[in-house]
Amino acid sequence: MQGSNPLDTLRILTGAQAIDAYKALNDENRRQILHALRARRMSTSELVEFLSGKDPKKEVKPQTVRYHIKELEKCGLVTQDGYEPTGDNGDSHIMKKLWRATAENVFITTGDMDGLPERNGYDLDKTLDIVSTMRQLGLSFTDEKEVKEIAENFTKRDKLYLKGLEFAKESLRDVCEIDPKLYVIFRNMLGLVRLSEKDYNDYWEISRDLTDALRDAYRRGEGKNPKVY
């Protein structure tokens, strides 16, 4: 069996991909599928069972679920993540695809990204997109150095968070069955609890520096919030 790759903490969708995601998530079934795949990897048949359990009176067909998955995959919200054998005992030679969400949280924005500072070669593109969105929220940054420091702190905290998630999965692996909502809650909680003492202290120190910097940026700007569609 292949996989499983960790989820990004945050994914920013812009342009055509953002529009496709907005359309895709207008469907309740797709929102439920995305929610389930944030908790764990699932096959099409497992997603059929999951949706059927939400509404036992409603017939859920595998081909319909496959269509929903393709629509979510097209806009970058879910991705294939390995295979596992079919059958109850897992001893079949026939393999089935497993799917997962690409991120814990998704921001959909169609805002103008021209306000983003010039990139100086450091690999923080994703985080700098977050900073650009914050400008739309009315935050004002003094210079590119401050932007870089904030972006670096986002990246450092993200790495610690993902390390903790891997530890949390170890704790939850032996749980026979758990509701996806509870799984995400306990995984996030255990992700911090199981960090080493140093990583735990670093996580909260970085978080404090980050929120202090963003609070100062907000006080300088205090602009209008962007429109939410």
Protein backbone atom coordinates (compact mmCIF):
# COMPACT_ATOMS: atom_id res chain seq x y z
CA MET A 1 0.00 0.00 0.00
CA GLN A 2 1.29 3.46 -0.92
CA GLY A 3 0.86 6.79 0.98
CA SER A 4 0.06 8.48 3.18
CA ASN A 5 1.25 12.05 2.58
CA PRO A 6 0.50 14.68 5.23
CA LEU A 7 -2.09 17.37 4.59
CA ASP A 8 -1.03 20.96 4.16
CA THR A 9 -2.14 23.15 7.03
CA LEU A 10 -3.54 25.73 4.64
CA ARG A 11 -4.19 25.87 0.90
CA ILE A 12 -4.89 29.12 -0.98
CA LEU A 13 -6.89 28.84 -4.20
CA THR A 14 -6.87 31.71 -6.68
CA GLY A 15 -7.98 32.42 -10.22
CA ALA A 16 -9.68 29.66 -12.24
CA GLN A 17 -8.97 27.05 -9.58
CA ALA A 18 -10.75 29.20 -6.97
CA ILE A 19 -13.78 29.55 -9.24
CA ASP A 20 -13.87 25.78 -9.88
CA ALA A 21 -13.61 25.12 -6.12
CA TYR A 22 -16.42 27.55 -5.38
CA LYS A 23 -18.66 25.75 -7.90
CA ALA A 24 -17.65 22.32 -6.65
CA LEU A 25 -18.42 23.13 -3.02
CA ASN A 26 -21.92 24.35 -3.85
CA ASP A 27 -22.87 20.66 -3.68
CA GLU A 28 -23.59 19.30 -0.18
CA ASN A 29 -22.32 15.80 -1.05
CA ARG A 30 -18.96 17.21 -2.14
CA ARG A 31 -18.66 19.23 1.06
CA GLN A 32 -19.30 16.06 3.07
CA ILE A 33 -16.76 14.09 0.99
CA LEU A 34 -14.12 16.78 1.52
CA HIS A 35 -14.84 16.81 5.25
CA ALA A 36 -14.47 13.02 5.47
CA LEU A 37 -11.21 13.03 3.49
CA ARG A 38 -9.72 15.59 5.86
CA ALA A 39 -10.03 12.99 8.61
CA ARG A 40 -8.51 10.02 6.79
CA ARG A 41 -7.89 8.39 3.41
CA MET A 42 -10.93 6.64 1.98
CA SER A 43 -11.82 4.63 -1.11
CA THR A 44 -14.84 5.28 -3.33
CA SER A 45 -16.74 2.41 -1.70
CA GLU A 46 -16.01 3.77 1.77
CA LEU A 47 -17.26 7.19 0.68
CA VAL A 48 -20.45 5.57 -0.64
CA GLU A 49 -20.99 4.01 2.81
CA PHE A 50 -20.18 7.31 4.50
CA LEU A 51 -22.71 9.30 2.44
CA SER A 52 -25.32 6.54 2.76
CA GLY A 53 -24.95 6.72 6.52
CA LYS A 54 -25.67 10.44 6.42
CA ASP A 55 -29.02 9.84 4.74
CA PRO A 56 -30.12 6.15 4.76
CA LYS A 57 -33.21 6.99 2.68
CA LYS A 58 -31.11 8.30 -0.18
CA GLU A 59 -29.50 5.94 -2.71
CA VAL A 60 -25.84 6.78 -3.25
CA LYS A 61 -24.30 5.31 -6.40
CA PRO A 62 -20.55 4.66 -6.80
CA GLN A 63 -20.48 6.41 -10.20
CA THR A 64 -21.96 9.52 -8.61
CA VAL A 65 -19.30 9.53 -5.89
CA ARG A 66 -16.57 9.04 -8.51
CA TYR A 67 -17.92 12.09 -10.36
CA HIS A 68 -17.87 14.18 -7.17
CA ILE A 69 -14.28 13.09 -6.45
CA LYS A 70 -13.15 14.08 -9.96
CA GLU A 71 -14.73 17.53 -9.55
CA LEU A 72 -12.94 17.99 -6.21
CA GLU A 73 -9.69 16.70 -7.67
CA LYS A 74 -9.91 19.07 -10.65
CA CYS A 75 -9.80 22.13 -8.41
CA GLY A 76 -7.09 20.79 -6.11
CA LEU A 77 -9.21 19.98 -3.06
CA VAL A 78 -8.56 16.22 -3.04
CA THR A 79 -5.88 13.97 -4.48
CA GLN A 80 -5.26 10.26 -4.94
CA ASP A 81 -3.03 8.89 -2.17
CA GLY A 82 -2.10 5.28 -2.74
CA TYR A 83 -3.97 1.97 -3.12
CA GLU A 84 -5.12 -0.91 -0.94
CA PRO A 85 -6.45 -4.39 -1.74
CA THR A 86 -10.20 -4.84 -2.14
CA GLY A 87 -12.16 -7.37 -0.09
CA ASP A 88 -12.91 -7.67 3.60
CA ASN A 89 -9.66 -9.45 4.44
CA GLY A 90 -7.45 -7.29 2.26
CA ASP A 91 -6.06 -10.39 0.49
CA SER A 92 -7.34 -9.60 -3.01
CA HIS A 93 -4.99 -8.88 -5.90
CA ILE A 94 -7.40 -6.21 -7.10
CA MET A 95 -6.44 -2.78 -5.81
CA LYS A 96 -8.66 0.20 -5.11
CA LYS A 97 -7.66 3.86 -5.11
CA LEU A 98 -7.52 5.82 -1.88
CA TRP A 99 -8.32 9.52 -1.75
CA ARG A 100 -7.49 12.28 0.74
CA ALA A 101 -7.99 16.01 1.10
CA THR A 102 -5.02 18.20 0.18
CA ALA A 103 -5.28 20.56 3.17
CA GLU A 104 -6.74 20.98 6.64
CA ASN A 105 -8.11 24.41 5.67
CA VAL A 106 -8.84 26.00 2.29
CA PHE A 107 -9.04 29.71 1.50
CA ILE A 108 -10.78 30.63 -1.75
CA THR A 109 -9.86 34.08 -2.98
CA THR A 110 -10.34 35.89 -6.28
CA GLY A 111 -8.55 39.00 -5.00
CA ASP A 112 -5.82 40.90 -6.84
CA MET A 113 -2.36 39.54 -5.99
CA ASP A 114 -0.48 42.54 -7.43
CA GLY A 115 0.16 43.85 -3.92
CA LEU A 116 2.45 40.92 -3.15
CA PRO A 117 6.09 42.03 -2.65
CA GLU A 118 8.79 40.84 -5.01
CA ARG A 119 10.02 37.33 -4.27
CA ASN A 120 13.71 37.22 -3.36
CA GLY A 121 14.25 33.54 -4.00
CA TYR A 122 13.22 32.10 -0.62
CA ASP A 123 10.79 29.23 -0.92
CA LEU A 124 7.78 30.77 0.84
CA ASP A 125 5.37 31.32 -2.03
CA LYS A 126 2.43 29.68 -0.31
CA THR A 127 2.91 31.68 2.87
CA LEU A 128 3.37 34.94 1.02
CA ASP A 129 0.01 34.33 -0.65
CA ILE A 130 -1.45 34.24 2.86
CA VAL A 131 0.18 37.60 3.59
CA SER A 132 -1.32 39.04 0.40
CA THR A 133 -4.77 37.93 1.54
CA MET A 134 -4.11 39.61 4.89
CA ARG A 135 -3.51 42.89 3.08
CA GLN A 136 -7.06 42.56 1.77
CA LEU A 137 -8.18 42.17 5.38
CA GLY A 138 -6.75 45.61 6.13
CA LEU A 139 -3.40 44.63 7.63
CA SER A 140 -0.51 46.99 6.86
CA PHE A 141 3.10 45.77 6.79
CA THR A 142 6.03 48.15 7.26
CA ASP A 143 8.43 46.60 4.74
CA GLU A 144 9.40 43.39 2.97
CA LYS A 145 11.62 42.35 5.88
CA GLU A 146 8.57 42.22 8.16
CA VAL A 147 6.66 40.25 5.53
CA LYS A 148 9.52 37.76 5.24
CA GLU A 149 9.71 37.31 9.02
CA ILE A 150 5.97 36.66 9.24
CA ALA A 151 6.16 34.23 6.32
CA GLU A 152 9.09 32.39 7.91
CA ASN A 153 7.22 32.08 11.21
CA PHE A 154 4.20 30.65 9.39
CA THR A 155 6.50 28.07 7.79
CA LYS A 156 8.28 27.18 11.07
CA ARG A 157 5.00 26.76 12.92
CA ASP A 158 3.58 24.71 10.06
CA LYS A 159 6.51 22.27 10.22
CA LEU A 160 6.07 21.80 13.97
CA TYR A 161 2.32 21.34 13.53
CA LEU A 162 2.81 18.67 10.86
CA LYS A 163 5.37 16.87 13.03
CA GLY A 164 2.82 16.77 15.83
CA LEU A 165 0.14 15.43 13.47
CA GLU A 166 2.32 12.43 12.63
CA PHE A 167 2.66 11.65 16.34
CA ALA A 168 -1.10 12.04 16.79
CA LYS A 169 -1.81 9.57 13.99
CA GLU A 170 0.26 7.00 15.87
CA SER A 171 -1.98 7.44 18.92
CA LEU A 172 -5.17 7.19 16.87
CA ARG A 173 -4.08 4.29 14.66
CA ASP A 174 -5.34 1.65 17.07
CA VAL A 175 -8.78 3.22 17.47
CA CYS A 176 -11.14 0.85 15.68
CA GLU A 177 -13.72 3.35 14.50
CA ILE A 178 -14.18 7.05 15.12
CA ASP A 179 -16.41 9.75 13.65
CA PRO A 180 -14.42 11.93 11.17
CA LYS A 181 -15.27 15.10 13.12
CA LEU A 182 -13.96 13.61 16.37
CA TYR A 183 -10.91 12.22 14.59
CA VAL A 184 -9.89 15.71 13.41
CA ILE A 185 -10.50 17.22 16.86
CA PHE A 186 -8.42 14.58 18.68
CA ARG A 187 -5.71 14.57 16.02
CA ASN A 188 -5.22 18.33 16.33
CA MET A 189 -5.23 18.14 20.13
CA LEU A 190 -2.83 15.20 20.34
CA GLY A 191 -0.62 16.81 17.70
CA LEU A 192 0.38 19.49 20.22
CA VAL A 193 0.31 17.27 23.31
CA ARG A 194 2.76 14.76 21.83
CA LEU A 195 5.40 17.28 20.72
CA SER A 196 8.71 17.20 22.58
CA GLU A 197 9.17 19.82 25.29
CA LYS A 198 11.41 21.94 23.04
CA ASP A 199 9.11 21.70 20.00
CA TYR A 200 6.09 22.45 22.18
CA ASN A 201 7.70 25.59 23.61
CA ASP A 202 8.96 26.64 20.16
CA TYR A 203 5.47 26.22 18.70
CA TRP A 204 3.87 28.57 21.24
CA GLU A 205 6.75 31.07 21.14
CA ILE A 206 6.51 31.28 17.35
CA SER A 207 2.72 31.51 17.57
CA ARG A 208 2.97 34.41 20.01
CA ASP A 209 5.52 36.26 17.84
CA LEU A 210 3.33 35.67 14.81
CA THR A 211 0.07 36.86 16.36
CA ASP A 212 1.82 39.90 17.94
CA ALA A 213 3.18 40.91 14.51
CA LEU A 214 -0.21 40.42 12.84
CA ARG A 215 -1.95 42.36 15.61
CA ASP A 216 0.44 45.28 15.08
CA ALA A 217 -0.11 45.09 11.31
CA TYR A 218 -3.87 45.17 11.85
CA ARG A 219 -3.64 48.19 14.14
CA ARG A 220 -1.58 50.03 11.51
CA GLY A 221 -4.05 49.21 8.76
CA GLU A 222 -7.54 48.65 10.14
CA GLY A 223 -8.91 48.46 6.61
CA LYS A 224 -12.15 46.96 5.41
CA ASN A 225 -12.67 43.24 5.21
CA PRO A 226 -12.82 41.77 1.68
CA LYS A 227 -16.11 40.63 0.25
CA VAL A 228 -16.91 36.99 0.93
CA TYR A 229 -18.85 35.22 -1.79
